Protein backbone atom coordinates (compact mmCIF):
# COMPACT_ATOMS: atom_id res chain seq x y z
CA MET A 1 -58.45 122.97 339.32
CA ASP A 2 -57.88 124.34 335.81
CA GLY A 3 -58.92 122.46 332.94
CA CYS A 4 -56.78 119.67 332.46
CA THR A 5 -56.83 116.10 334.06
CA HIS A 6 -55.11 116.64 337.29
CA THR A 7 -53.90 114.02 338.92
CA LEU A 8 -52.30 115.78 341.93
CA SER A 9 -55.65 115.63 342.97
CA LYS A 10 -58.36 114.00 345.77
CA LYS A 11 -58.06 110.90 344.07
CA ILE A 12 -54.60 110.74 343.90
CA ILE A 13 -54.07 111.78 347.44
CA TYR A 14 -56.48 109.48 348.50
CA ILE A 15 -55.17 106.19 346.38
CA LEU A 16 -51.80 106.98 348.00
CA ILE A 17 -53.15 107.49 351.66
CA LYS A 18 -54.58 104.10 350.52
CA LEU A 19 -51.42 102.59 349.44
CA CYS A 20 -49.76 103.87 352.35
CA CYS A 21 -52.39 102.60 355.07
CA LYS A 22 -52.33 99.50 353.38
CA LYS A 23 -48.55 99.08 354.11
CA ASP A 24 -49.72 100.34 358.02
CA LEU A 25 -48.01 103.97 357.06
CA LEU A 26 -51.14 105.71 358.09
CA SER A 27 -53.81 105.68 360.54
CA ARG A 28 -56.85 102.99 358.82
CA THR A 29 -59.60 105.17 360.29
CA THR A 30 -58.79 107.83 357.18
CA SER A 31 -61.71 106.50 355.20
CA THR A 32 -62.40 110.20 353.19
CA PRO A 33 -60.14 111.28 350.56
CA ILE A 34 -58.12 114.08 352.10
CA LEU A 35 -58.21 117.36 350.54
CA ASN A 36 -55.86 119.46 351.88
CA ILE A 37 -53.71 118.44 349.21
CA GLY A 38 -50.80 120.76 350.72
CA ARG A 39 -50.54 118.77 353.91
CA ASN A 40 -50.62 115.54 352.06
CA PHE A 41 -48.26 116.53 349.33
CA ASN A 42 -45.36 117.16 352.30
CA LEU A 43 -46.10 113.81 353.54
CA PHE A 44 -45.69 112.10 350.68
CA ILE A 45 -42.53 113.69 349.91
CA TYR A 46 -41.52 112.89 353.31
CA LEU A 47 -42.52 109.00 353.10
CA ARG A 48 -40.69 108.98 349.47
CA LYS A 49 -37.31 110.53 351.26
CA LYS A 50 -37.68 108.07 354.34
CA GLU A 51 -38.42 105.13 351.22
CA LYS A 52 -41.57 104.21 353.43
CA GLY A 53 -44.88 102.75 351.70
CA ILE A 54 -45.11 102.74 348.16
CA TRP A 55 -41.05 104.06 347.77
CA ASN A 56 -39.94 101.31 350.19
CA SER A 57 -37.17 99.81 348.25
CA ASN A 58 -37.54 96.26 350.25
CA ASN A 59 -40.96 96.14 349.03
CA PRO A 60 -41.58 98.57 346.18
CA LEU A 61 -44.82 99.47 344.06
CA THR A 62 -44.24 97.32 340.85
CA GLU A 63 -46.54 99.59 338.74
CA LEU A 64 -49.36 102.26 339.39
CA PRO A 65 -53.03 101.70 338.58
CA PHE A 66 -53.05 103.23 335.44
CA GLU A 67 -49.81 101.47 333.92
CA PHE A 68 -51.58 98.11 335.37
CA ARG A 69 -54.43 99.26 333.26
CA LEU A 70 -52.27 100.03 329.68
CA ARG A 71 -50.74 97.16 330.37
CA VAL A 72 -53.91 94.81 330.55
CA SER A 73 -55.26 96.45 327.93
CA ASN A 74 -52.00 96.31 325.87
CA LYS A 75 -52.19 99.82 325.05
CA LYS A 76 -49.12 102.49 325.26
CA PRO A 77 -49.56 106.03 326.94
CA ASN A 78 -51.93 108.31 325.01
CA LYS A 79 -52.29 111.34 327.61
CA TYR A 80 -49.26 114.29 327.37
CA VAL A 81 -47.87 114.13 331.13
CA GLY A 82 -47.10 117.64 332.92
CA ASP A 83 -44.18 118.26 335.86
CA TYR A 84 -46.70 120.56 338.12
CA GLU A 85 -43.15 122.14 340.06
CA LYS A 86 -41.57 123.21 336.59
CA LYS A 87 -44.48 123.96 334.65
CA GLU A 88 -43.06 121.69 331.84
CA TYR A 89 -44.53 118.68 329.89
CA VAL A 90 -43.21 115.66 328.36
CA GLU A 91 -45.09 113.40 325.41
CA PRO A 92 -47.29 110.65 326.88
CA SER A 93 -44.36 107.57 326.36
CA LYS A 94 -41.69 109.94 328.07
CA TYR A 95 -44.41 109.85 331.31
CA LYS A 96 -41.70 108.14 333.61
CA HIS A 97 -39.34 111.46 333.61
CA ILE A 98 -41.92 113.38 335.48
CA PRO A 99 -41.80 112.49 339.12
CA VAL A 100 -44.96 110.59 340.17
CA GLU A 101 -45.71 113.39 342.76
CA ASN A 102 -45.78 116.34 340.50
CA ARG A 103 -47.57 114.89 337.38
CA VAL A 104 -50.55 116.06 335.85
CA PHE A 105 -51.95 114.57 332.57
CA PHE A 106 -53.32 116.13 330.03
CA HIS A 107 -55.79 114.41 327.35
CA PHE A 108 -54.70 116.45 323.89
CA LYS A 109 -51.74 118.33 322.72
CA SER A 110 -52.73 121.81 323.01
CA GLU A 111 -54.04 121.62 326.63
CA PRO A 112 -50.15 122.33 328.51
CA ALA A 113 -49.32 125.24 326.56
CA SER A 114 -52.76 126.46 327.44
CA GLU A 115 -52.38 125.82 330.81
CA GLY A 116 -48.76 127.71 330.65
CA TYR A 117 -46.60 124.32 330.30
CA LYS A 118 -43.83 124.48 328.31
CA GLU A 119 -42.39 121.30 326.17
CA ARG A 120 -39.39 119.45 328.16
């Protein structure tokens, strides 16, 4: 991983798999974080296109875990958000402009440029 807080990582993959398991989309035998991000990234793209799991329009995930933490602590987003595929980033308040599966979070404004991201 690079120097940024890369949420398209084992942790987010694990969280998304757990959410999909909760909605009976994946085997419940998945007990450890999956390390093959490429394979699982394709799975999440498929699930999103088919509106399955957390993307089910009849039963959507209402907020991501970090959104919940912000809401209950009455805080505003404070991390710059990059698009992993486009290598662009936005200010913290515009995080929803980046597809959830492409998000990369940066703690400091200087980090995205140092990682090769351009401001959108």
